Amino acid sequence: MSAAQLQARGLGSPTPSGAGASHRACCAAGPRPRRWVTPPLLLSTVSATPLLYLGSWLGYRLNARLPRRAFALTLMAIALAGALRLLLS
């Protein structure tokens, strides 16, 4: 996309250096940035951490007991189910 097309969409800068009035105008009165770490995010992280360790431990144990091909097919089926869920939701 050319500089003129970007500028027409409000994405480019009118100054050759790439910085200038358009950047100051869009960012000077903009909203304050949101916080990245929020209480719900911390709660989700803390509650999911034991599940992460449990899943790792189960995968390690199943890998030792199942034949390699069966383990690989099981993992592919889980990944496919997750992908379909994301695509269909």
C-alpha atoms as a PDB file:
ATOM      1  CA  MET A   1       0.000   0.000   0.000  1.00  0.00           C
ATOM      2  CA  SER A   2       1.376   3.405  -0.885  1.00  0.00           C
ATOM      3  CA  ALA A   3       1.907   6.281   1.545  1.00  0.00           C
ATOM      4  CA  ALA A   4      -0.967   8.190  -0.076  1.00  0.00           C
ATOM      5  CA  GLN A   5      -3.361   5.268   0.462  1.00  0.00           C
ATOM      6  CA  LEU A   6      -2.277   4.932   4.091  1.00  0.00           C
ATOM      7  CA  GLN A   7      -2.723   8.667   4.639  1.00  0.00           C
ATOM      8  CA  ALA A   8      -6.191   8.552   3.027  1.00  0.00           C
ATOM      9  CA  ARG A   9      -7.214   5.888   5.543  1.00  0.00           C
ATOM     10  CA  GLY A  10      -5.813   7.920   8.417  1.00  0.00           C
ATOM     11  CA  LEU A  11      -2.911   5.537   8.990  1.00  0.00           C
ATOM     12  CA  GLY A  12      -0.079   7.500   7.438  1.00  0.00           C
ATOM     13  CA  SER A  13       1.768  10.592   8.508  1.00  0.00           C
ATOM     14  CA  PRO A  14       1.751  13.723   6.354  1.00  0.00           C
ATOM     15  CA  THR A  15       5.360  14.490   7.234  1.00  0.00           C
ATOM     16  CA  PRO A  16       8.217  12.809   5.380  1.00  0.00           C
ATOM     17  CA  SER A  17       9.978  11.781   8.577  1.00  0.00           C
ATOM     18  CA  GLY A  18       7.036   9.640   9.668  1.00  0.00           C
ATOM     19  CA  ALA A  19       6.312  11.647  12.824  1.00  0.00           C
ATOM     20  CA  GLY A  20       4.562  14.915  13.270  1.00  0.00           C
ATOM     21  CA  ALA A  21       1.204  16.549  13.618  1.00  0.00           C
ATOM     22  CA  SER A  22      -0.891  13.481  12.841  1.00  0.00           C
ATOM     23  CA  HIS A  23       0.765  11.441  15.593  1.00  0.00           C
ATOM     24  CA  ARG A  24       0.437  14.214  18.160  1.00  0.00           C
ATOM     25  CA  ALA A  25      -3.180  14.836  17.186  1.00  0.00           C
ATOM     26  CA  CYS A  26      -4.271  11.214  17.521  1.00  0.00           C
ATOM     27  CA  CYS A  27      -2.403  10.423  20.727  1.00  0.00           C
ATOM     28  CA  ALA A  28      -2.663  13.667  22.677  1.00  0.00           C
ATOM     29  CA  ALA A  29      -6.361  13.392  23.514  1.00  0.00           C
ATOM     30  CA  GLY A  30      -6.689   9.613  23.354  1.00  0.00           C
ATOM     31  CA  PRO A  31      -7.887   7.409  26.187  1.00  0.00           C
ATOM     32  CA  ARG A  32      -5.481   6.280  28.857  1.00  0.00           C
ATOM     33  CA  PRO A  33      -4.048   2.834  28.230  1.00  0.00           C
ATOM     34  CA  ARG A  34      -5.728  -0.026  30.052  1.00  0.00           C
ATOM     35  CA  ARG A  35      -3.954  -2.022  32.698  1.00  0.00           C
ATOM     36  CA  TRP A  36      -2.590  -5.355  31.474  1.00  0.00           C
ATOM     37  CA  VAL A  37      -2.885  -7.220  34.771  1.00  0.00           C
ATOM     38  CA  THR A  38      -6.365  -7.130  36.229  1.00  0.00           C
ATOM     39  CA  PRO A  39      -7.837  -8.988  39.214  1.00  0.00           C
ATOM     40  CA  PRO A  40      -9.917 -11.368  37.015  1.00  0.00           C
ATOM     41  CA  LEU A  41      -6.806 -12.185  34.979  1.00  0.00           C
ATOM     42  CA  LEU A  42      -4.817 -12.927  38.140  1.00  0.00           C
ATOM     43  CA  LEU A  43      -7.619 -15.131  39.474  1.00  0.00           C
ATOM     44  CA  SER A  44      -7.788 -17.067  36.201  1.00  0.00           C
ATOM     45  CA  THR A  45      -4.036 -17.525  36.151  1.00  0.00           C
ATOM     46  CA  VAL A  46      -3.839 -18.739  39.740  1.00  0.00           C
ATOM     47  CA  SER A  47      -6.763 -21.130  39.286  1.00  0.00           C
ATOM     48  CA  ALA A  48      -5.415 -22.556  35.999  1.00  0.00           C
ATOM     49  CA  THR A  49      -1.857 -23.160  37.220  1.00  0.00           C
ATOM     50  CA  PRO A  50      -2.633 -26.431  39.064  1.00  0.00           C
ATOM     51  CA  LEU A  51      -4.440 -27.684  35.951  1.00  0.00           C
ATOM     52  CA  LEU A  52      -1.338 -26.958  33.904  1.00  0.00           C
ATOM     53  CA  TYR A  53       0.801 -29.072  36.210  1.00  0.00           C
ATOM     54  CA  LEU A  54      -1.821 -31.846  36.315  1.00  0.00           C
ATOM     55  CA  GLY A  55      -2.004 -31.943  32.506  1.00  0.00           C
ATOM     56  CA  SER A  56       1.781 -32.062  32.214  1.00  0.00           C
ATOM     57  CA  TRP A  57       1.999 -34.887  34.737  1.00  0.00           C
ATOM     58  CA  LEU A  58      -0.781 -36.872  33.005  1.00  0.00           C
ATOM     59  CA  GLY A  59       0.835 -36.379  29.613  1.00  0.00           C
ATOM     60  CA  TYR A  60       4.162 -37.594  30.951  1.00  0.00           C
ATOM     61  CA  ARG A  61       2.534 -40.687  32.468  1.00  0.00           C
ATOM     62  CA  LEU A  62       0.453 -41.471  29.363  1.00  0.00           C
ATOM     63  CA  ASN A  63       3.463 -41.016  27.114  1.00  0.00           C
ATOM     64  CA  ALA A  64       5.293 -43.692  29.082  1.00  0.00           C
ATOM     65  CA  ARG A  65       2.361 -46.160  28.992  1.00  0.00           C
ATOM     66  CA  LEU A  66       0.778 -45.706  25.560  1.00  0.00           C
ATOM     67  CA  PRO A  67       2.408 -46.749  22.322  1.00  0.00           C
ATOM     68  CA  ARG A  68       3.938 -43.770  20.496  1.00  0.00           C
ATOM     69  CA  ARG A  69       1.425 -43.849  17.634  1.00  0.00           C
ATOM     70  CA  ALA A  70      -1.598 -43.989  19.968  1.00  0.00           C
ATOM     71  CA  PHE A  71      -0.238 -41.073  22.005  1.00  0.00           C
ATOM     72  CA  ALA A  72       0.350 -38.990  18.855  1.00  0.00           C
ATOM     73  CA  LEU A  73      -3.156 -39.754  17.560  1.00  0.00           C
ATOM     74  CA  THR A  74      -4.672 -38.827  20.930  1.00  0.00           C
ATOM     75  CA  LEU A  75      -2.870 -35.487  20.914  1.00  0.00           C
ATOM     76  CA  MET A  76      -3.952 -34.803  17.329  1.00  0.00           C
ATOM     77  CA  ALA A  77      -7.575 -35.594  18.222  1.00  0.00           C
ATOM     78  CA  ILE A  78      -7.450 -33.187  21.177  1.00  0.00           C
ATOM     79  CA  ALA A  79      -5.900 -30.470  18.996  1.00  0.00           C
ATOM     80  CA  LEU A  80      -8.504 -31.052  16.255  1.00  0.00           C
ATOM     81  CA  ALA A  81     -11.368 -30.849  18.759  1.00  0.00           C
ATOM     82  CA  GLY A  82      -9.992 -27.558  20.109  1.00  0.00           C
ATOM     83  CA  ALA A  83      -9.530 -26.138  16.626  1.00  0.00           C
ATOM     84  CA  LEU A  84     -13.072 -27.071  15.598  1.00  0.00           C
ATOM     85  CA  ARG A  85     -14.450 -25.518  18.754  1.00  0.00           C
ATOM     86  CA  LEU A  86     -12.642 -22.272  17.988  1.00  0.00           C
ATOM     87  CA  LEU A  87     -13.749 -22.263  14.358  1.00  0.00           C
ATOM     88  CA  LEU A  88     -17.391 -22.972  15.142  1.00  0.00           C
ATOM     89  CA  SER A  89     -17.808 -20.575  18.052  1.00  0.00           C
END
